[in-house]
Amino acid sequence: MEIKLEGRQVELGDELCERIRNRMTSMDQRFGPITHARLSVERSVRKIEQRAKVTAVVHISGTTVTVTKETPTVVAAVNEALETLSLELAEHVEKTKKSHRD
């Protein structure tokens, strides 16, 4: 599995990158094989409020799953995006299994 991590207007620390890679590896083992994953983290300032936006794009056996989450902090946005991505992948795997049974 190829994982590309990018930060825009934010530095992704080693700990956060490692956590993302571990979660992606776990998803690959549970729902995989994931062929390619890209996670983009962007920080922006709107008026006096800071926001973090995470976009995750994952390619898995015949489909692409895209998730976007926006929260006040980078860590919360990453966690929400990874959790939603996990749920979307589980849904995809279940649909695929169901269509093979029918």
PDB file of N, CA and C in Angstrom:
ATOM      1  N   MET A   1       0.846  -1.174   0.000  1.00  0.00           N
ATOM      2  CA  MET A   1       0.000   0.000   0.000  1.00  0.00           C
ATOM      3  C   MET A   1       0.888   1.233   0.000  1.00  0.00           C
ATOM      4  N   GLU A   2       0.564   2.146  -0.886  1.00  0.00           N
ATOM      5  CA  GLU A   2       1.285   3.413  -0.963  1.00  0.00           C
ATOM      6  C   GLU A   2       0.469   4.473  -0.231  1.00  0.00           C
ATOM      7  N   ILE A   3       1.101   5.177   0.717  1.00  0.00           N
ATOM      8  CA  ILE A   3       0.433   6.228   1.474  1.00  0.00           C
ATOM      9  C   ILE A   3       1.169   7.538   1.230  1.00  0.00           C
ATOM     10  N   LYS A   4       0.413   8.553   0.822  1.00  0.00           N
ATOM     11  CA  LYS A   4       0.999   9.872   0.635  1.00  0.00           C
ATOM     12  C   LYS A   4       0.340  10.821   1.631  1.00  0.00           C
ATOM     13  N   LEU A   5       1.166  11.473   2.450  1.00  0.00           N
ATOM     14  CA  LEU A   5       0.674  12.437   3.426  1.00  0.00           C
ATOM     15  C   LEU A   5       1.184  13.813   3.045  1.00  0.00           C
ATOM     16  N   GLU A   6       0.303  14.799   3.073  1.00  0.00           N
ATOM     17  CA  GLU A   6       0.743  16.153   2.755  1.00  0.00           C
ATOM     18  C   GLU A   6       0.084  17.160   3.688  1.00  0.00           C
ATOM     19  N   GLY A   7       0.844  18.170   4.054  1.00  0.00           N
ATOM     20  CA  GLY A   7       0.346  19.242   4.894  1.00  0.00           C
ATOM     21  C   GLY A   7       0.416  20.558   4.152  1.00  0.00           C
ATOM     22  N   ARG A   8      -0.655  21.306   4.210  1.00  0.00           N
ATOM     23  CA  ARG A   8      -0.706  22.631   3.592  1.00  0.00           C
ATOM     24  C   ARG A   8      -0.926  23.640   4.705  1.00  0.00           C
ATOM     25  N   GLN A   9      -0.007  24.533   4.851  1.00  0.00           N
ATOM     26  CA  GLN A   9      -0.042  25.539   5.910  1.00  0.00           C
ATOM     27  C   GLN A   9       0.056  24.910   7.306  1.00  0.00           C
ATOM     28  N   VAL A  10       0.517  23.659   7.363  1.00  0.00           N
ATOM     29  CA  VAL A  10       0.671  22.973   8.638  1.00  0.00           C
ATOM     30  C   VAL A  10       1.784  21.938   8.505  1.00  0.00           C
ATOM     31  N   GLU A  11       2.571  21.802   9.539  1.00  0.00           N
ATOM     32  CA  GLU A  11       3.634  20.800   9.592  1.00  0.00           C
ATOM     33  C   GLU A  11       3.070  19.541  10.248  1.00  0.00           C
ATOM     34  N   LEU A  12       3.138  18.435   9.530  1.00  0.00           N
ATOM     35  CA  LEU A  12       2.680  17.161  10.098  1.00  0.00           C
ATOM     36  C   LEU A  12       3.843  16.562  10.878  1.00  0.00           C
ATOM     37  N   GLY A  13       3.675  16.403  12.165  1.00  0.00           N
ATOM     38  CA  GLY A  13       4.739  15.851  13.000  1.00  0.00           C
ATOM     39  C   GLY A  13       4.895  14.353  12.793  1.00  0.00           C
ATOM     40  N   ASP A  14       6.031  13.826  13.244  1.00  0.00           N
ATOM     41  CA  ASP A  14       6.308  12.399  13.112  1.00  0.00           C
ATOM     42  C   ASP A  14       5.263  11.542  13.814  1.00  0.00           C
ATOM     43  N   GLU A  15       4.831  11.976  14.999  1.00  0.00           N
ATOM     44  CA  GLU A  15       3.861  11.198  15.773  1.00  0.00           C
ATOM     45  C   GLU A  15       2.524  11.100  15.041  1.00  0.00           C
ATOM     46  N   LEU A  16       2.058  12.219  14.482  1.00  0.00           N
ATOM     47  CA  LEU A  16       0.792  12.208  13.748  1.00  0.00           C
ATOM     48  C   LEU A  16       0.904  11.368  12.476  1.00  0.00           C
ATOM     49  N   CYS A  17       2.009  11.499  11.767  1.00  0.00           N
ATOM     50  CA  CYS A  17       2.219  10.693  10.551  1.00  0.00           C
ATOM     51  C   CYS A  17       2.238   9.208  10.884  1.00  0.00           C
ATOM     52  N   GLU A  18       2.892   8.850  11.967  1.00  0.00           N
ATOM     53  CA  GLU A  18       2.960   7.445  12.377  1.00  0.00           C
ATOM     54  C   GLU A  18       1.574   6.920  12.749  1.00  0.00           C
ATOM     55  N   ARG A  19       0.801   7.736  13.458  1.00  0.00           N
ATOM     56  CA  ARG A  19      -0.553   7.336  13.840  1.00  0.00           C
ATOM     57  C   ARG A  19      -1.413   7.114  12.595  1.00  0.00           C
ATOM     58  N   ILE A  20      -1.301   8.006  11.615  1.00  0.00           N
ATOM     59  CA  ILE A  20      -2.057   7.867  10.368  1.00  0.00           C
ATOM     60  C   ILE A  20      -1.640   6.587   9.642  1.00  0.00           C
ATOM     61  N   ARG A  21      -0.351   6.349   9.525  1.00  0.00           N
ATOM     62  CA  ARG A  21       0.128   5.137   8.843  1.00  0.00           C
ATOM     63  C   ARG A  21      -0.357   3.869   9.548  1.00  0.00           C
ATOM     64  N   ASN A  22      -0.331   3.870  10.879  1.00  0.00           N
ATOM     65  CA  ASN A  22      -0.806   2.701  11.639  1.00  0.00           C
ATOM     66  C   ASN A  22      -2.289   2.449  11.386  1.00  0.00           C
ATOM     67  N   ARG A  23      -3.090   3.510  11.393  1.00  0.00           N
ATOM     68  CA  ARG A  23      -4.530   3.341  11.145  1.00  0.00           C
ATOM     69  C   ARG A  23      -4.795   2.870   9.717  1.00  0.00           C
ATOM     70  N   MET A  24      -4.046   3.406   8.755  1.00  0.00           N
ATOM     71  CA  MET A  24      -4.218   2.996   7.363  1.00  0.00           C
ATOM     72  C   MET A  24      -3.804   1.534   7.175  1.00  0.00           C
ATOM     73  N   THR A  25      -2.720   1.117   7.831  1.00  0.00           N
ATOM     74  CA  THR A  25      -2.289  -0.277   7.765  1.00  0.00           C
ATOM     75  C   THR A  25      -3.356  -1.193   8.352  1.00  0.00           C
ATOM     76  N   SER A  26      -3.953  -0.777   9.457  1.00  0.00           N
ATOM     77  CA  SER A  26      -5.021  -1.552  10.076  1.00  0.00           C
ATOM     78  C   SER A  26      -6.218  -1.679   9.131  1.00  0.00           C
ATOM     79  N   MET A  27      -6.587  -0.575   8.479  1.00  0.00           N
ATOM     80  CA  MET A  27      -7.701  -0.616   7.519  1.00  0.00           C
ATOM     81  C   MET A  27      -7.356  -1.507   6.330  1.00  0.00           C
ATOM     82  N   ASP A  28      -6.102  -1.472   5.891  1.00  0.00           N
ATOM     83  CA  ASP A  28      -5.664  -2.314   4.784  1.00  0.00           C
ATOM     84  C   ASP A  28      -5.829  -3.788   5.145  1.00  0.00           C
ATOM     85  N   GLN A  29      -5.479  -4.144   6.367  1.00  0.00           N
ATOM     86  CA  GLN A  29      -5.590  -5.534   6.806  1.00  0.00           C
ATOM     87  C   GLN A  29      -7.051  -5.954   6.967  1.00  0.00           C
ATOM     88  N   ARG A  30      -7.904  -5.052   7.443  1.00  0.00           N
ATOM     89  CA  ARG A  30      -9.308  -5.383   7.678  1.00  0.00           C
ATOM     90  C   ARG A  30     -10.156  -5.339   6.412  1.00  0.00           C
ATOM     91  N   PHE A  31      -9.917  -4.349   5.545  1.00  0.00           N
ATOM     92  CA  PHE A  31     -10.798  -4.122   4.409  1.00  0.00           C
ATOM     93  C   PHE A  31     -10.110  -4.261   3.064  1.00  0.00           C
ATOM     94  N   GLY A  32      -8.815  -4.411   3.037  1.00  0.00           N
ATOM     95  CA  GLY A  32      -7.956  -4.299   1.873  1.00  0.00           C
ATOM     96  C   GLY A  32      -8.192  -5.310   0.790  1.00  0.00           C
ATOM     97  N   PRO A  33      -7.352  -5.271  -0.172  1.00  0.00           N
ATOM     98  CA  PRO A  33      -6.139  -4.462  -0.172  1.00  0.00           C
ATOM     99  C   PRO A  33      -6.394  -3.031  -0.649  1.00  0.00           C
ATOM    100  N   ILE A  34      -5.808  -2.092   0.070  1.00  0.00           N
ATOM    101  CA  ILE A  34      -5.822  -0.692  -0.334  1.00  0.00           C
ATOM    102  C   ILE A  34      -4.603  -0.504  -1.227  1.00  0.00           C
ATOM    103  N   THR A  35      -4.823  -0.038  -2.447  1.00  0.00           N
ATOM    104  CA  THR A  35      -3.698   0.115  -3.367  1.00  0.00           C
ATOM    105  C   THR A  35      -2.986   1.448  -3.195  1.00  0.00           C
ATOM    106  N   HIS A  36      -3.755   2.506  -2.910  1.00  0.00           N
ATOM    107  CA  HIS A  36      -3.156   3.825  -2.768  1.00  0.00           C
ATOM    108  C   HIS A  36      -4.016   4.654  -1.822  1.00  0.00           C
ATOM    109  N   ALA A  37      -3.372   5.425  -0.962  1.00  0.00           N
ATOM    110  CA  ALA A  37      -4.087   6.316  -0.055  1.00  0.00           C
ATOM    111  C   ALA A  37      -3.382   7.669  -0.031  1.00  0.00           C
ATOM    112  N   ARG A  38      -4.174   8.727  -0.048  1.00  0.00           N
ATOM    113  CA  ARG A  38      -3.618  10.079   0.044  1.00  0.00           C
ATOM    114  C   ARG A  38      -4.412  10.834   1.093  1.00  0.00           C
ATOM    115  N   LEU A  39      -3.700  11.434   2.029  1.00  0.00           N
ATOM    116  CA  LEU A  39      -4.333  12.199   3.083  1.00  0.00           C
ATOM    117  C   LEU A  39      -3.730  13.594   3.083  1.00  0.00           C
ATOM    118  N   SER A  40      -4.575  14.590   2.891  1.00  0.00           N
ATOM    119  CA  SER A  40      -4.139  15.976   2.817  1.00  0.00           C
ATOM    120  C   SER A  40      -4.709  16.740   4.011  1.00  0.00           C
ATOM    121  N   VAL A  41      -3.833  17.449   4.726  1.00  0.00           N
ATOM    122  CA  VAL A  41      -4.241  18.250   5.883  1.00  0.00           C
ATOM    123  C   VAL A  41      -3.975  19.703   5.550  1.00  0.00           C
ATOM    124  N   GLU A  42      -5.001  20.526   5.709  1.00  0.00           N
ATOM    125  CA  GLU A  42      -4.875  21.947   5.384  1.00  0.00           C
ATOM    126  C   GLU A  42      -5.384  22.782   6.554  1.00  0.00           C
ATOM    127  N   ARG A  43      -4.605  23.770   6.945  1.00  0.00           N
ATOM    128  CA  ARG A  43      -5.028  24.674   8.002  1.00  0.00           C
ATOM    129  C   ARG A  43      -5.335  26.026   7.379  1.00  0.00           C
ATOM    130  N   SER A  44      -6.442  26.615   7.810  1.00  0.00           N
ATOM    131  CA  SER A  44      -6.810  27.931   7.297  1.00  0.00           C
ATOM    132  C   SER A  44      -7.313  28.800   8.437  1.00  0.00           C
ATOM    133  N   VAL A  45      -7.222  30.098   8.232  1.00  0.00           N
ATOM    134  CA  VAL A  45      -7.717  31.054   9.218  1.00  0.00           C
ATOM    135  C   VAL A  45      -8.849  31.823   8.570  1.00  0.00           C
ATOM    136  N   ARG A  46      -9.998  31.745   9.191  1.00  0.00           N
ATOM    137  CA  ARG A  46     -11.175  32.482   8.719  1.00  0.00           C
ATOM    138  C   ARG A  46     -11.536  33.494   9.788  1.00  0.00           C
ATOM    139  N   LYS A  47     -11.386  34.737   9.444  1.00  0.00           N
ATOM    140  CA  LYS A  47     -11.593  35.834  10.394  1.00  0.00           C
ATOM    141  C   LYS A  47     -10.704  35.594  11.603  1.00  0.00           C
ATOM    142  N   ILE A  48     -11.253  35.297  12.757  1.00  0.00           N
ATOM    143  CA  ILE A  48     -10.412  35.054  13.938  1.00  0.00           C
ATOM    144  C   ILE A  48     -10.350  33.573  14.302  1.00  0.00           C
ATOM    145  N   GLU A  49     -10.966  32.734  13.489  1.00  0.00           N
ATOM    146  CA  GLU A  49     -11.077  31.307  13.797  1.00  0.00           C
ATOM    147  C   GLU A  49     -10.139  30.470  12.925  1.00  0.00           C
ATOM    148  N   GLN A  50      -9.409  29.559  13.553  1.00  0.00           N
ATOM    149  CA  GLN A  50      -8.578  28.624  12.797  1.00  0.00           C
ATOM    150  C   GLN A  50      -9.373  27.355  12.543  1.00  0.00           C
ATOM    151  N   ARG A  51      -9.189  26.774  11.356  1.00  0.00           N
ATOM    152  CA  ARG A  51      -9.857  25.539  10.983  1.00  0.00           C
ATOM    153  C   ARG A  51      -8.839  24.591  10.365  1.00  0.00           C
ATOM    154  N   ALA A  52      -9.084  23.312  10.531  1.00  0.00           N
ATOM    155  CA  ALA A  52      -8.258  22.286   9.894  1.00  0.00           C
ATOM    156  C   ALA A  52      -9.180  21.423   9.046  1.00  0.00           C
ATOM    157  N   LYS A  53      -8.746  21.183   7.822  1.00  0.00           N
ATOM    158  CA  LYS A  53      -9.540  20.378   6.888  1.00  0.00           C
ATOM    159  C   LYS A  53      -8.694  19.195   6.441  1.00  0.00           C
ATOM    160  N   VAL A  54      -9.257  18.008   6.537  1.00  0.00           N
ATOM    161  CA  VAL A  54      -8.570  16.790   6.126  1.00  0.00           C
ATOM    162  C   VAL A  54      -9.372  16.137   5.007  1.00  0.00           C
ATOM    163  N   THR A  55      -8.672  15.811   3.935  1.00  0.00           N
ATOM    164  CA  THR A  55      -9.282  15.079   2.826  1.00  0.00           C
ATOM    165  C   THR A  55      -8.504  13.781   2.653  1.00  0.00           C
ATOM    166  N   ALA A  56      -9.211  12.668   2.717  1.00  0.00           N
ATOM    167  CA  ALA A  56      -8.594  11.354   2.539  1.00  0.00           C
ATOM    168  C   ALA A  56      -9.198  10.709   1.296  1.00  0.00           C
ATOM    169  N   VAL A  57      -8.324  10.223   0.417  1.00  0.00           N
ATOM    170  CA  VAL A  57      -8.744   9.531  -0.799  1.00  0.00           C
ATOM    171  C   VAL A  57      -8.073   8.163  -0.790  1.00  0.00           C
ATOM    172  N   VAL A  58      -8.884   7.116  -0.854  1.00  0.00           N
ATOM    173  CA  VAL A  58      -8.371   5.747  -0.785  1.00  0.00           C
ATOM    174  C   VAL A  58      -8.887   4.962  -1.988  1.00  0.00           C
ATOM    175  N   HIS A  59      -7.972   4.267  -2.660  1.00  0.00           N
ATOM    176  CA  HIS A  59      -8.326   3.407  -3.784  1.00  0.00           C
ATOM    177  C   HIS A  59      -8.295   1.965  -3.286  1.00  0.00           C
ATOM    178  N   ILE A  60      -9.431   1.281  -3.436  1.00  0.00           N
ATOM    179  CA  ILE A  60      -9.547  -0.096  -2.973  1.00  0.00           C
ATOM    180  C   ILE A  60     -10.365  -0.880  -3.995  1.00  0.00           C
ATOM    181  N   SER A  61      -9.895  -2.017  -4.367  1.00  0.00           N
ATOM    182  CA  SER A  61     -10.526  -2.971  -5.294  1.00  0.00           C
ATOM    183  C   SER A  61     -11.750  -2.451  -6.049  1.00  0.00           C
ATOM    184  N   GLY A  62     -11.489  -1.686  -7.088  1.00  0.00           N
ATOM    185  CA  GLY A  62     -12.553  -1.266  -7.974  1.00  0.00           C
ATOM    186  C   GLY A  62     -13.291   0.000  -7.598  1.00  0.00           C
ATOM    187  N   THR A  63     -12.900   0.671  -6.543  1.00  0.00           N
ATOM    188  CA  THR A  63     -13.596   1.891  -6.165  1.00  0.00           C
ATOM    189  C   THR A  63     -12.651   2.874  -5.489  1.00  0.00           C
ATOM    190  N   THR A  64     -13.090   4.102  -5.396  1.00  0.00           N
ATOM    191  CA  THR A  64     -12.358   5.141  -4.691  1.00  0.00           C
ATOM    192  C   THR A  64     -13.276   5.708  -3.619  1.00  0.00           C
ATOM    193  N   VAL A  65     -12.763   5.806  -2.404  1.00  0.00           N
ATOM    194  CA  VAL A  65     -13.521   6.356  -1.288  1.00  0.00           C
ATOM    195  C   VAL A  65     -12.871   7.681  -0.906  1.00  0.00           C
ATOM    196  N   THR A  66     -13.667   8.742  -0.842  1.00  0.00           N
ATOM    197  CA  THR A  66     -13.175  10.065  -0.474  1.00  0.00           C
ATOM    198  C   THR A  66     -13.937  10.568   0.741  1.00  0.00           C
ATOM    199  N   VAL A  67     -13.194  11.080   1.712  1.00  0.00           N
ATOM    200  CA  VAL A  67     -13.773  11.610   2.942  1.00  0.00           C
ATOM    201  C   VAL A  67     -13.148  12.973   3.201  1.00  0.00           C
ATOM    202  N   THR A  68     -13.970  13.952   3.577  1.00  0.00           N
ATOM    203  CA  THR A  68     -13.478  15.271   3.954  1.00  0.00           C
ATOM    204  C   THR A  68     -14.096  15.661   5.288  1.00  0.00           C
ATOM    205  N   LYS A  69     -13.259  16.095   6.209  1.00  0.00           N
ATOM    206  CA  LYS A  69     -13.714  16.546   7.528  1.00  0.00           C
ATOM    207  C   LYS A  69     -13.042  17.867   7.856  1.00  0.00           C
ATOM    208  N   GLU A  70     -13.781  18.752   8.521  1.00  0.00           N
ATOM    209  CA  GLU A  70     -13.246  20.042   8.925  1.00  0.00           C
ATOM    210  C   GLU A  70     -13.606  20.292  10.390  1.00  0.00           C
ATOM    211  N   THR A  71     -12.598  20.600  11.197  1.00  0.00           N
ATOM    212  CA  THR A  71     -12.777  20.867  12.626  1.00  0.00           C
ATOM    213  C   THR A  71     -11.826  21.992  13.038  1.00  0.00           C
ATOM    214  N   PRO A  72     -11.931  22.456  14.269  1.00  0.00           N
ATOM    215  CA  PRO A  72     -11.020  23.515  14.722  1.00  0.00           C
ATOM    216  C   PRO A  72      -9.563  23.069  14.877  1.00  0.00           C
ATOM    217  N   THR A  73      -9.306  21.771  15.098  1.00  0.00           N
ATOM    218  CA  THR A  73      -7.927  21.320  15.308  1.00  0.00           C
ATOM    219  C   THR A  73      -7.545  20.236  14.305  1.00  0.00           C
ATOM    220  N   VAL A  74      -6.249  20.160  14.048  1.00  0.00           N
ATOM    221  CA  VAL A  74      -5.723  19.176  13.093  1.00  0.00           C
ATOM    222  C   VAL A  74      -5.975  17.754  13.581  1.00  0.00           C
ATOM    223  N   VAL A  75      -5.661  17.488  14.833  1.00  0.00           N
ATOM    224  CA  VAL A  75      -5.794  16.126  15.369  1.00  0.00           C
ATOM    225  C   VAL A  75      -7.246  15.659  15.312  1.00  0.00           C
ATOM    226  N   ALA A  76      -8.180  16.519  15.675  1.00  0.00           N
ATOM    227  CA  ALA A  76      -9.600  16.143  15.631  1.00  0.00           C
ATOM    228  C   ALA A  76     -10.045  15.874  14.199  1.00  0.00           C
ATOM    229  N   ALA A  77      -9.595  16.698  13.265  1.00  0.00           N
ATOM    230  CA  ALA A  77      -9.967  16.495  11.860  1.00  0.00           C
ATOM    231  C   ALA A  77      -9.417  15.180  11.329  1.00  0.00           C
ATOM    232  N   VAL A  78      -8.161  14.871  11.673  1.00  0.00           N
ATOM    233  CA  VAL A  78      -7.548  13.612  11.242  1.00  0.00           C
ATOM    234  C   VAL A  78      -8.314  12.432  11.845  1.00  0.00           C
ATOM    235  N   ASN A  79      -8.589  12.491  13.143  1.00  0.00           N
ATOM    236  CA  ASN A  79      -9.301  11.394  13.802  1.00  0.00           C
ATOM    237  C   ASN A  79     -10.692  11.176  13.202  1.00  0.00           C
ATOM    238  N   GLU A  80     -11.430  12.262  12.974  1.00  0.00           N
ATOM    239  CA  GLU A  80     -12.770  12.138  12.390  1.00  0.00           C
ATOM    240  C   GLU A  80     -12.708  11.584  10.963  1.00  0.00           C
ATOM    241  N   ALA A  81     -11.741  12.053  10.188  1.00  0.00           N
ATOM    242  CA  ALA A  81     -11.606  11.575   8.810  1.00  0.00           C
ATOM    243  C   ALA A  81     -11.273  10.085   8.783  1.00  0.00           C
ATOM    244  N   LEU A  82     -10.348   9.654   9.634  1.00  0.00           N
ATOM    245  CA  LEU A  82      -9.970   8.236   9.655  1.00  0.00           C
ATOM    246  C   LEU A  82     -11.121   7.359  10.141  1.00  0.00           C
ATOM    247  N   GLU A  83     -11.874   7.845  11.118  1.00  0.00           N
ATOM    248  CA  GLU A  83     -13.014   7.076  11.619  1.00  0.00           C
ATOM    249  C   GLU A  83     -14.088   6.941  10.534  1.00  0.00           C
ATOM    250  N   THR A  84     -14.391   8.033   9.854  1.00  0.00           N
ATOM    251  CA  THR A  84     -15.380   8.001   8.780  1.00  0.00           C
ATOM    252  C   THR A  84     -14.901   7.125   7.629  1.00  0.00           C
ATOM    253  N   LEU A  85     -13.628   7.219   7.313  1.00  0.00           N
ATOM    254  CA  LEU A  85     -13.044   6.387   6.258  1.00  0.00           C
ATOM    255  C   LEU A  85     -13.189   4.910   6.596  1.00  0.00           C
ATOM    256  N   SER A  86     -12.926   4.555   7.833  1.00  0.00           N
ATOM    257  CA  SER A  86     -13.074   3.169   8.273  1.00  0.00           C
ATOM    258  C   SER A  86     -14.518   2.693   8.099  1.00  0.00           C
ATOM    259  N   LEU A  87     -15.477   3.527   8.466  1.00  0.00           N
ATOM    260  CA  LEU A  87     -16.888   3.170   8.315  1.00  0.00           C
ATOM    261  C   LEU A  87     -17.269   3.018   6.840  1.00  0.00           C
ATOM    262  N   GLU A  88     -16.785   3.922   5.998  1.00  0.00           N
ATOM    263  CA  GLU A  88     -17.072   3.852   4.559  1.00  0.00           C
ATOM    264  C   GLU A  88     -16.480   2.584   3.939  1.00  0.00           C
ATOM    265  N   LEU A  89     -15.251   2.233   4.333  1.00  0.00           N
ATOM    266  CA  LEU A  89     -14.619   1.023   3.807  1.00  0.00           C
ATOM    267  C   LEU A  89     -15.359  -0.228   4.268  1.00  0.00           C
ATOM    268  N   ALA A  90     -15.803  -0.234   5.520  1.00  0.00           N
ATOM    269  CA  ALA A  90     -16.572  -1.372   6.031  1.00  0.00           C
ATOM    270  C   ALA A  90     -17.869  -1.531   5.238  1.00  0.00           C
ATOM    271  N   GLU A  91     -18.528  -0.403   4.936  1.00  0.00           N
ATOM    272  CA  GLU A  91     -19.745  -0.423   4.138  1.00  0.00           C
ATOM    273  C   GLU A  91     -19.480  -0.984   2.742  1.00  0.00           C
ATOM    274  N   HIS A  92     -18.388  -0.536   2.134  1.00  0.00           N
ATOM    275  CA  HIS A  92     -18.024  -1.003   0.796  1.00  0.00           C
ATOM    276  C   HIS A  92     -17.772  -2.513   0.790  1.00  0.00           C
ATOM    277  N   VAL A  93     -17.040  -2.992   1.766  1.00  0.00           N
ATOM    278  CA  VAL A  93     -16.735  -4.427   1.844  1.00  0.00           C
ATOM    279  C   VAL A  93     -18.017  -5.229   2.035  1.00  0.00           C
ATOM    280  N   GLU A  94     -18.917  -4.734   2.876  1.00  0.00           N
ATOM    281  CA  GLU A  94     -20.181  -5.436   3.111  1.00  0.00           C
ATOM    282  C   GLU A  94     -21.017  -5.487   1.835  1.00  0.00           C
ATOM    283  N   LYS A  95     -21.097  -4.373   1.107  1.00  0.00           N
ATOM    284  CA  LYS A  95     -21.843  -4.353  -0.151  1.00  0.00           C
ATOM    285  C   LYS A  95     -21.243  -5.316  -1.164  1.00  0.00           C
ATOM    286  N   THR A  96     -19.910  -5.364  -1.230  1.00  0.00           N
ATOM    287  CA  THR A  96     -19.232  -6.247  -2.156  1.00  0.00           C
ATOM    288  C   THR A  96     -19.511  -7.702  -1.825  1.00  0.00           C
ATOM    289  N   LYS A  97     -19.448  -8.049  -0.535  1.00  0.00           N
ATOM    290  CA  LYS A  97     -19.752  -9.427  -0.117  1.00  0.00           C
ATOM    291  C   LYS A  97     -21.193  -9.789  -0.440  1.00  0.00           C
ATOM    292  N   LYS A  98     -22.113  -8.856  -0.190  1.00  0.00           N
ATOM    293  CA  LYS A  98     -23.521  -9.113  -0.432  1.00  0.00           C
ATOM    294  C   LYS A  98     -23.784  -9.340  -1.911  1.00  0.00           C
ATOM    295  N   SER A  99     -23.140  -8.540  -2.775  1.00  0.00           N
ATOM    296  CA  SER A  99     -23.373  -8.701  -4.217  1.00  0.00           C
ATOM    297  C   SER A  99     -22.786 -10.019  -4.730  1.00  0.00           C
ATOM    298  N   HIS A 100     -21.746 -10.512  -4.094  1.00  0.00           N
ATOM    299  CA  HIS A 100     -21.169 -11.796  -4.506  1.00  0.00           C
ATOM    300  C   HIS A 100     -22.038 -12.976  -4.065  1.00  0.00           C
ATOM    301  N   ARG A 101     -22.773 -12.793  -2.973  1.00  0.00           N
ATOM    302  CA  ARG A 101     -23.653 -13.848  -2.490  1.00  0.00           C
ATOM    303  C   ARG A 101     -24.914 -13.953  -3.333  1.00  0.00           C
ATOM    304  N   ASP A 102     -25.357 -12.832  -3.884  1.00  0.00           N
ATOM    305  CA  ASP A 102     -26.623 -12.827  -4.654  1.00  0.00           C
ATOM    306  C   ASP A 102     -26.476 -13.402  -6.033  1.00  0.00           C
TER     307      ASP A 102
END
